[in-house]
Amino acid sequence: MSESAILCVDDEAIILDSLKEQLKRKFGNRFIYEMAESADEAWDVIEELENDDIEVIVVVSDWLMPGTKGDEFLIQIHQRFPQLIKVMLTGQADSTAIERARQEANLYACLYKPWTEEDLSEIINSALSSK
């Protein structure tokens, strides 16, 4: 079993299903793939993974979600896990939110909806090789 996880956060289940399917197709059993439909649920998932000694190495988060916006969530993630790779997935984020995430969350990349499987895998591959 893998000891590293990729966490995807989006309030739309169909988006999460697509992300998980594409990541599994590209990376196979190299990682554990966890999905969360909100920032609050993502924190629960992170806590469970930590308890199982599994390190989250990448977070792909939507921007427009109920409750906590993606830039806020990624900033909170960065404050607790600065080494974690953060990718924003968005169809609606404004340039101010993206720039704020770059500055305050060390955002690695912004992936725009609709994304391609190739773009997703290139961003993750590039991020992992830069670690």
N, C-alpha and C. Protein backbone atom coordinates (compact mmCIF):
# COMPACT_ATOMS: atom_id res chain seq x y z
N MET A 1 0.84 -1.19 0.00
CA MET A 1 0.00 0.00 0.00
C MET A 1 0.88 1.25 0.00
N SER A 2 0.42 2.27 -0.69
CA SER A 2 1.16 3.52 -0.80
C SER A 2 1.12 4.28 0.52
N GLU A 3 2.14 5.10 0.75
CA GLU A 3 2.17 5.91 1.95
C GLU A 3 2.02 7.39 1.62
N SER A 4 1.66 7.70 0.38
CA SER A 4 1.44 9.08 -0.06
C SER A 4 0.07 9.18 -0.69
N ALA A 5 -0.56 10.34 -0.48
CA ALA A 5 -1.92 10.53 -0.99
C ALA A 5 -2.05 11.84 -1.76
N ILE A 6 -2.97 11.81 -2.72
CA ILE A 6 -3.40 13.01 -3.43
C ILE A 6 -4.84 13.25 -3.02
N LEU A 7 -5.11 14.46 -2.55
CA LEU A 7 -6.44 14.83 -2.08
C LEU A 7 -7.06 15.81 -3.05
N CYS A 8 -8.27 15.51 -3.51
CA CYS A 8 -9.01 16.41 -4.39
C CYS A 8 -10.24 16.92 -3.65
N VAL A 9 -10.48 18.23 -3.76
CA VAL A 9 -11.58 18.86 -3.04
C VAL A 9 -12.43 19.65 -4.04
N ASP A 10 -13.70 19.28 -4.14
CA ASP A 10 -14.63 19.97 -5.03
C ASP A 10 -16.03 19.66 -4.55
N ASP A 11 -16.94 20.62 -4.64
CA ASP A 11 -18.29 20.38 -4.15
C ASP A 11 -19.15 19.63 -5.16
N GLU A 12 -18.61 19.31 -6.33
CA GLU A 12 -19.35 18.56 -7.34
C GLU A 12 -18.77 17.14 -7.43
N ALA A 13 -19.60 16.15 -7.09
CA ALA A 13 -19.16 14.75 -7.08
C ALA A 13 -18.67 14.30 -8.45
N ILE A 14 -19.30 14.78 -9.51
CA ILE A 14 -18.90 14.37 -10.86
C ILE A 14 -17.47 14.83 -11.18
N ILE A 15 -17.09 15.99 -10.68
CA ILE A 15 -15.72 16.50 -10.86
C ILE A 15 -14.75 15.60 -10.10
N LEU A 16 -15.10 15.26 -8.87
CA LEU A 16 -14.23 14.39 -8.06
C LEU A 16 -14.07 13.02 -8.72
N ASP A 17 -15.16 12.49 -9.24
CA ASP A 17 -15.08 11.19 -9.93
C ASP A 17 -14.13 11.26 -11.12
N SER A 18 -14.23 12.35 -11.90
CA SER A 18 -13.36 12.52 -13.07
C SER A 18 -11.90 12.64 -12.66
N LEU A 19 -11.64 13.45 -11.64
CA LEU A 19 -10.27 13.63 -11.16
C LEU A 19 -9.67 12.30 -10.70
N LYS A 20 -10.44 11.56 -9.91
CA LYS A 20 -9.95 10.30 -9.37
C LYS A 20 -9.65 9.31 -10.50
N GLU A 21 -10.57 9.22 -11.45
CA GLU A 21 -10.39 8.31 -12.58
C GLU A 21 -9.14 8.67 -13.39
N GLN A 22 -8.97 9.97 -13.66
CA GLN A 22 -7.82 10.41 -14.44
C GLN A 22 -6.51 10.20 -13.69
N LEU A 23 -6.49 10.50 -12.41
CA LEU A 23 -5.27 10.31 -11.62
C LEU A 23 -4.91 8.82 -11.53
N LYS A 24 -5.90 7.98 -11.31
CA LYS A 24 -5.64 6.54 -11.24
C LYS A 24 -5.10 6.01 -12.57
N ARG A 25 -5.67 6.52 -13.66
CA ARG A 25 -5.22 6.07 -14.98
C ARG A 25 -3.76 6.46 -15.20
N LYS A 26 -3.37 7.63 -14.74
CA LYS A 26 -2.01 8.13 -14.95
C LYS A 26 -1.00 7.53 -13.96
N PHE A 27 -1.37 7.49 -12.68
CA PHE A 27 -0.41 7.13 -11.64
C PHE A 27 -0.65 5.76 -11.02
N GLY A 28 -1.73 5.08 -11.39
CA GLY A 28 -1.99 3.73 -10.91
C GLY A 28 -2.01 3.63 -9.39
N ASN A 29 -1.28 2.65 -8.86
CA ASN A 29 -1.25 2.41 -7.42
C ASN A 29 -0.13 3.16 -6.72
N ARG A 30 0.46 4.11 -7.40
CA ARG A 30 1.57 4.88 -6.82
C ARG A 30 1.11 5.72 -5.62
N PHE A 31 -0.16 6.13 -5.64
CA PHE A 31 -0.70 6.98 -4.58
C PHE A 31 -2.05 6.47 -4.12
N ILE A 32 -2.47 6.98 -2.96
CA ILE A 32 -3.84 6.83 -2.49
C ILE A 32 -4.57 8.07 -2.97
N TYR A 33 -5.79 7.91 -3.43
CA TYR A 33 -6.57 9.04 -3.95
C TYR A 33 -7.76 9.25 -3.03
N GLU A 34 -7.82 10.42 -2.42
CA GLU A 34 -8.91 10.75 -1.51
C GLU A 34 -9.69 11.93 -2.08
N MET A 35 -11.00 11.90 -1.87
CA MET A 35 -11.87 12.95 -2.37
C MET A 35 -12.65 13.56 -1.21
N ALA A 36 -12.91 14.87 -1.30
CA ALA A 36 -13.70 15.56 -0.29
C ALA A 36 -14.58 16.59 -0.99
N GLU A 37 -15.80 16.75 -0.50
CA GLU A 37 -16.74 17.67 -1.13
C GLU A 37 -16.77 19.05 -0.49
N SER A 38 -15.89 19.29 0.50
CA SER A 38 -15.81 20.61 1.13
C SER A 38 -14.47 20.71 1.85
N ALA A 39 -14.12 21.93 2.22
CA ALA A 39 -12.88 22.14 2.97
C ALA A 39 -12.96 21.43 4.32
N ASP A 40 -14.12 21.49 4.98
CA ASP A 40 -14.27 20.82 6.27
C ASP A 40 -14.06 19.31 6.14
N GLU A 41 -14.66 18.73 5.10
CA GLU A 41 -14.49 17.30 4.88
C GLU A 41 -13.03 16.98 4.55
N ALA A 42 -12.38 17.87 3.82
CA ALA A 42 -10.96 17.67 3.48
C ALA A 42 -10.10 17.63 4.75
N TRP A 43 -10.37 18.50 5.70
CA TRP A 43 -9.60 18.48 6.96
C TRP A 43 -9.81 17.15 7.69
N ASP A 44 -11.04 16.62 7.66
CA ASP A 44 -11.31 15.31 8.29
C ASP A 44 -10.49 14.22 7.60
N VAL A 45 -10.46 14.26 6.27
CA VAL A 45 -9.70 13.27 5.50
C VAL A 45 -8.21 13.37 5.84
N ILE A 46 -7.69 14.59 5.90
CA ILE A 46 -6.27 14.79 6.22
C ILE A 46 -5.95 14.23 7.60
N GLU A 47 -6.84 14.47 8.55
CA GLU A 47 -6.62 13.96 9.91
C GLU A 47 -6.62 12.42 9.92
N GLU A 48 -7.56 11.82 9.20
CA GLU A 48 -7.61 10.35 9.13
C GLU A 48 -6.33 9.80 8.49
N LEU A 49 -5.88 10.44 7.42
CA LEU A 49 -4.66 9.98 6.76
C LEU A 49 -3.45 10.11 7.68
N GLU A 50 -3.35 11.24 8.38
CA GLU A 50 -2.25 11.44 9.33
C GLU A 50 -2.26 10.34 10.39
N ASN A 51 -3.44 10.00 10.88
CA ASN A 51 -3.56 8.96 11.90
C ASN A 51 -3.09 7.60 11.38
N ASP A 52 -3.18 7.41 10.06
CA ASP A 52 -2.73 6.17 9.44
C ASP A 52 -1.30 6.28 8.89
N ASP A 53 -0.60 7.36 9.26
CA ASP A 53 0.77 7.62 8.80
C ASP A 53 0.88 7.71 7.28
N ILE A 54 -0.13 8.31 6.66
CA ILE A 54 -0.12 8.53 5.22
C ILE A 54 0.02 10.03 5.00
N GLU A 55 1.02 10.38 4.19
CA GLU A 55 1.31 11.80 3.94
C GLU A 55 0.56 12.28 2.70
N VAL A 56 -0.19 13.36 2.88
CA VAL A 56 -0.82 14.01 1.72
C VAL A 56 0.29 14.84 1.06
N ILE A 57 0.53 14.59 -0.22
CA ILE A 57 1.61 15.30 -0.90
C ILE A 57 1.10 16.33 -1.90
N VAL A 58 -0.15 16.15 -2.37
CA VAL A 58 -0.76 17.09 -3.32
C VAL A 58 -2.21 17.32 -2.92
N VAL A 59 -2.63 18.59 -2.97
CA VAL A 59 -4.04 18.94 -2.82
C VAL A 59 -4.47 19.67 -4.08
N VAL A 60 -5.52 19.16 -4.72
CA VAL A 60 -6.14 19.83 -5.86
C VAL A 60 -7.49 20.32 -5.36
N SER A 61 -7.66 21.65 -5.28
CA SER A 61 -8.88 22.19 -4.69
C SER A 61 -9.60 23.12 -5.65
N ASP A 62 -10.90 22.95 -5.72
CA ASP A 62 -11.77 23.88 -6.44
C ASP A 62 -11.70 25.23 -5.74
N TRP A 63 -12.05 26.28 -6.47
CA TRP A 63 -12.07 27.60 -5.84
C TRP A 63 -13.46 27.90 -5.28
N LEU A 64 -14.49 27.76 -6.11
CA LEU A 64 -15.84 28.17 -5.70
C LEU A 64 -16.55 27.00 -5.03
N MET A 65 -16.54 27.02 -3.69
CA MET A 65 -17.21 25.99 -2.90
C MET A 65 -18.01 26.67 -1.80
N PRO A 66 -19.09 26.02 -1.35
CA PRO A 66 -19.82 26.59 -0.21
C PRO A 66 -18.94 26.62 1.03
N GLY A 67 -19.13 27.63 1.84
CA GLY A 67 -18.32 27.72 3.07
C GLY A 67 -16.99 28.39 2.78
N THR A 68 -15.94 27.60 2.70
CA THR A 68 -14.59 28.12 2.51
C THR A 68 -14.21 28.10 1.04
N LYS A 69 -13.81 29.23 0.51
CA LYS A 69 -13.33 29.31 -0.88
C LYS A 69 -11.97 28.60 -0.99
N GLY A 70 -11.64 28.16 -2.18
CA GLY A 70 -10.42 27.40 -2.41
C GLY A 70 -9.15 28.13 -2.02
N ASP A 71 -9.08 29.46 -2.30
CA ASP A 71 -7.86 30.18 -1.94
C ASP A 71 -7.68 30.21 -0.43
N GLU A 72 -8.78 30.41 0.32
CA GLU A 72 -8.71 30.40 1.78
C GLU A 72 -8.26 29.03 2.29
N PHE A 73 -8.85 27.98 1.74
CA PHE A 73 -8.51 26.62 2.15
C PHE A 73 -7.04 26.33 1.88
N LEU A 74 -6.56 26.70 0.70
CA LEU A 74 -5.15 26.42 0.35
C LEU A 74 -4.19 27.23 1.23
N ILE A 75 -4.58 28.42 1.61
CA ILE A 75 -3.76 29.22 2.53
C ILE A 75 -3.69 28.52 3.89
N GLN A 76 -4.83 28.02 4.36
CA GLN A 76 -4.85 27.28 5.64
C GLN A 76 -3.99 26.02 5.54
N ILE A 77 -4.09 25.32 4.43
CA ILE A 77 -3.27 24.12 4.20
C ILE A 77 -1.79 24.49 4.25
N HIS A 78 -1.44 25.58 3.57
CA HIS A 78 -0.04 26.02 3.52
C HIS A 78 0.49 26.36 4.91
N GLN A 79 -0.33 26.98 5.73
CA GLN A 79 0.11 27.34 7.07
C GLN A 79 0.44 26.10 7.90
N ARG A 80 -0.29 25.04 7.69
CA ARG A 80 -0.06 23.82 8.47
C ARG A 80 0.92 22.86 7.78
N PHE A 81 0.88 22.83 6.45
CA PHE A 81 1.72 21.91 5.67
C PHE A 81 2.40 22.67 4.53
N PRO A 82 3.41 23.48 4.84
CA PRO A 82 4.01 24.33 3.79
C PRO A 82 4.65 23.55 2.65
N GLN A 83 5.06 22.31 2.88
CA GLN A 83 5.73 21.53 1.84
C GLN A 83 4.75 20.90 0.86
N LEU A 84 3.48 20.87 1.20
CA LEU A 84 2.47 20.22 0.38
C LEU A 84 2.28 20.98 -0.94
N ILE A 85 2.12 20.26 -2.03
CA ILE A 85 1.90 20.87 -3.34
C ILE A 85 0.43 21.24 -3.45
N LYS A 86 0.17 22.51 -3.82
CA LYS A 86 -1.19 23.00 -3.89
C LYS A 86 -1.53 23.42 -5.32
N VAL A 87 -2.65 22.88 -5.82
CA VAL A 87 -3.15 23.18 -7.16
C VAL A 87 -4.58 23.66 -7.02
N MET A 88 -4.90 24.79 -7.66
CA MET A 88 -6.27 25.26 -7.65
C MET A 88 -6.94 24.85 -8.96
N LEU A 89 -8.13 24.31 -8.84
CA LEU A 89 -8.94 23.91 -9.99
C LEU A 89 -10.12 24.86 -10.03
N THR A 90 -10.30 25.56 -11.14
CA THR A 90 -11.36 26.56 -11.14
C THR A 90 -11.94 26.83 -12.51
N GLY A 91 -13.17 27.21 -12.48
CA GLY A 91 -13.82 27.74 -13.67
C GLY A 91 -14.23 29.17 -13.42
N GLN A 92 -14.09 29.61 -12.15
CA GLN A 92 -14.65 30.91 -11.80
C GLN A 92 -13.77 31.80 -10.92
N ALA A 93 -12.61 31.37 -10.53
CA ALA A 93 -11.78 32.20 -9.64
C ALA A 93 -11.34 33.47 -10.37
N ASP A 94 -11.35 34.56 -9.64
CA ASP A 94 -10.86 35.79 -10.25
C ASP A 94 -9.35 35.87 -10.07
N SER A 95 -8.73 36.75 -10.82
CA SER A 95 -7.27 36.86 -10.79
C SER A 95 -6.76 37.25 -9.41
N THR A 96 -7.54 38.01 -8.66
CA THR A 96 -7.13 38.41 -7.31
C THR A 96 -7.02 37.19 -6.40
N ALA A 97 -8.00 36.29 -6.47
CA ALA A 97 -7.97 35.08 -5.63
C ALA A 97 -6.81 34.18 -6.02
N ILE A 98 -6.55 34.06 -7.32
CA ILE A 98 -5.44 33.22 -7.78
C ILE A 98 -4.11 33.81 -7.32
N GLU A 99 -3.96 35.11 -7.47
CA GLU A 99 -2.71 35.76 -7.05
C GLU A 99 -2.53 35.66 -5.54
N ARG A 100 -3.61 35.80 -4.80
CA ARG A 100 -3.54 35.67 -3.34
C ARG A 100 -3.07 34.26 -2.97
N ALA A 101 -3.60 33.25 -3.64
CA ALA A 101 -3.18 31.87 -3.37
C ALA A 101 -1.71 31.67 -3.75
N ARG A 102 -1.27 32.30 -4.83
CA ARG A 102 0.15 32.21 -5.22
C ARG A 102 1.04 32.81 -4.13
N GLN A 103 0.64 33.97 -3.63
CA GLN A 103 1.45 34.69 -2.64
C GLN A 103 1.39 34.04 -1.25
N GLU A 104 0.18 33.67 -0.81
CA GLU A 104 0.00 33.25 0.58
C GLU A 104 -0.05 31.75 0.77
N ALA A 105 -0.22 30.98 -0.31
CA ALA A 105 -0.32 29.53 -0.17
C ALA A 105 0.75 28.82 -1.00
N ASN A 106 1.64 29.58 -1.64
CA ASN A 106 2.65 29.00 -2.51
C ASN A 106 1.98 28.08 -3.54
N LEU A 107 0.93 28.60 -4.17
CA LEU A 107 0.17 27.84 -5.16
C LEU A 107 1.11 27.38 -6.26
N TYR A 108 1.10 26.09 -6.54
CA TYR A 108 1.98 25.55 -7.58
C TYR A 108 1.42 25.84 -8.97
N ALA A 109 0.11 25.64 -9.14
CA ALA A 109 -0.49 25.83 -10.46
C ALA A 109 -1.98 26.08 -10.32
N CYS A 110 -2.54 26.67 -11.36
CA CYS A 110 -3.98 26.85 -11.45
C CYS A 110 -4.44 26.10 -12.70
N LEU A 111 -5.36 25.20 -12.50
CA LEU A 111 -5.89 24.37 -13.58
C LEU A 111 -7.32 24.84 -13.84
N TYR A 112 -7.61 25.21 -15.08
CA TYR A 112 -8.91 25.78 -15.40
C TYR A 112 -9.88 24.74 -15.93
N LYS A 113 -11.12 24.80 -15.44
CA LYS A 113 -12.18 23.93 -15.94
C LYS A 113 -12.67 24.48 -17.28
N PRO A 114 -12.94 23.66 -18.24
CA PRO A 114 -12.69 22.22 -18.26
C PRO A 114 -11.21 21.95 -18.53
N TRP A 115 -10.62 21.10 -17.74
CA TRP A 115 -9.21 20.76 -17.87
C TRP A 115 -9.08 19.53 -18.75
N THR A 116 -7.87 19.23 -19.17
CA THR A 116 -7.63 17.98 -19.89
C THR A 116 -6.87 17.04 -18.97
N GLU A 117 -7.01 15.77 -19.22
CA GLU A 117 -6.29 14.76 -18.44
C GLU A 117 -4.78 14.98 -18.58
N GLU A 118 -4.37 15.37 -19.77
CA GLU A 118 -2.95 15.63 -20.01
C GLU A 118 -2.44 16.80 -19.16
N ASP A 119 -3.22 17.88 -19.09
CA ASP A 119 -2.82 19.03 -18.26
C ASP A 119 -2.72 18.64 -16.79
N LEU A 120 -3.70 17.88 -16.31
CA LEU A 120 -3.70 17.44 -14.92
C LEU A 120 -2.45 16.62 -14.62
N SER A 121 -2.17 15.63 -15.46
CA SER A 121 -1.02 14.76 -15.19
C SER A 121 0.30 15.49 -15.35
N GLU A 122 0.38 16.42 -16.30
CA GLU A 122 1.62 17.21 -16.46
C GLU A 122 1.88 18.07 -15.23
N ILE A 123 0.85 18.70 -14.70
CA ILE A 123 1.02 19.55 -13.51
C ILE A 123 1.47 18.70 -12.32
N ILE A 124 0.81 17.56 -12.09
CA ILE A 124 1.19 16.70 -10.96
C ILE A 124 2.60 16.15 -11.14
N ASN A 125 2.92 15.67 -12.33
CA ASN A 125 4.26 15.15 -12.61
C ASN A 125 5.32 16.22 -12.38
N SER A 126 5.08 17.39 -12.92
CA SER A 126 6.02 18.50 -12.78
C SER A 126 6.20 18.88 -11.32
N ALA A 127 5.11 18.96 -10.59
CA ALA A 127 5.16 19.33 -9.17
C ALA A 127 5.94 18.29 -8.37
N LEU A 128 5.68 17.02 -8.63
CA LEU A 128 6.37 15.96 -7.90
C LEU A 128 7.85 15.90 -8.22
N SER A 129 8.20 16.18 -9.45
CA SER A 129 9.64 16.13 -9.81
C SER A 129 10.38 17.36 -9.29
N SER A 130 9.65 18.40 -8.93
CA SER A 130 10.32 19.61 -8.40
C SER A 130 10.52 19.53 -6.91
N LYS A 131 9.95 18.52 -6.26
CA LYS A 131 10.08 18.37 -4.79
C LYS A 131 11.48 17.95 -4.40
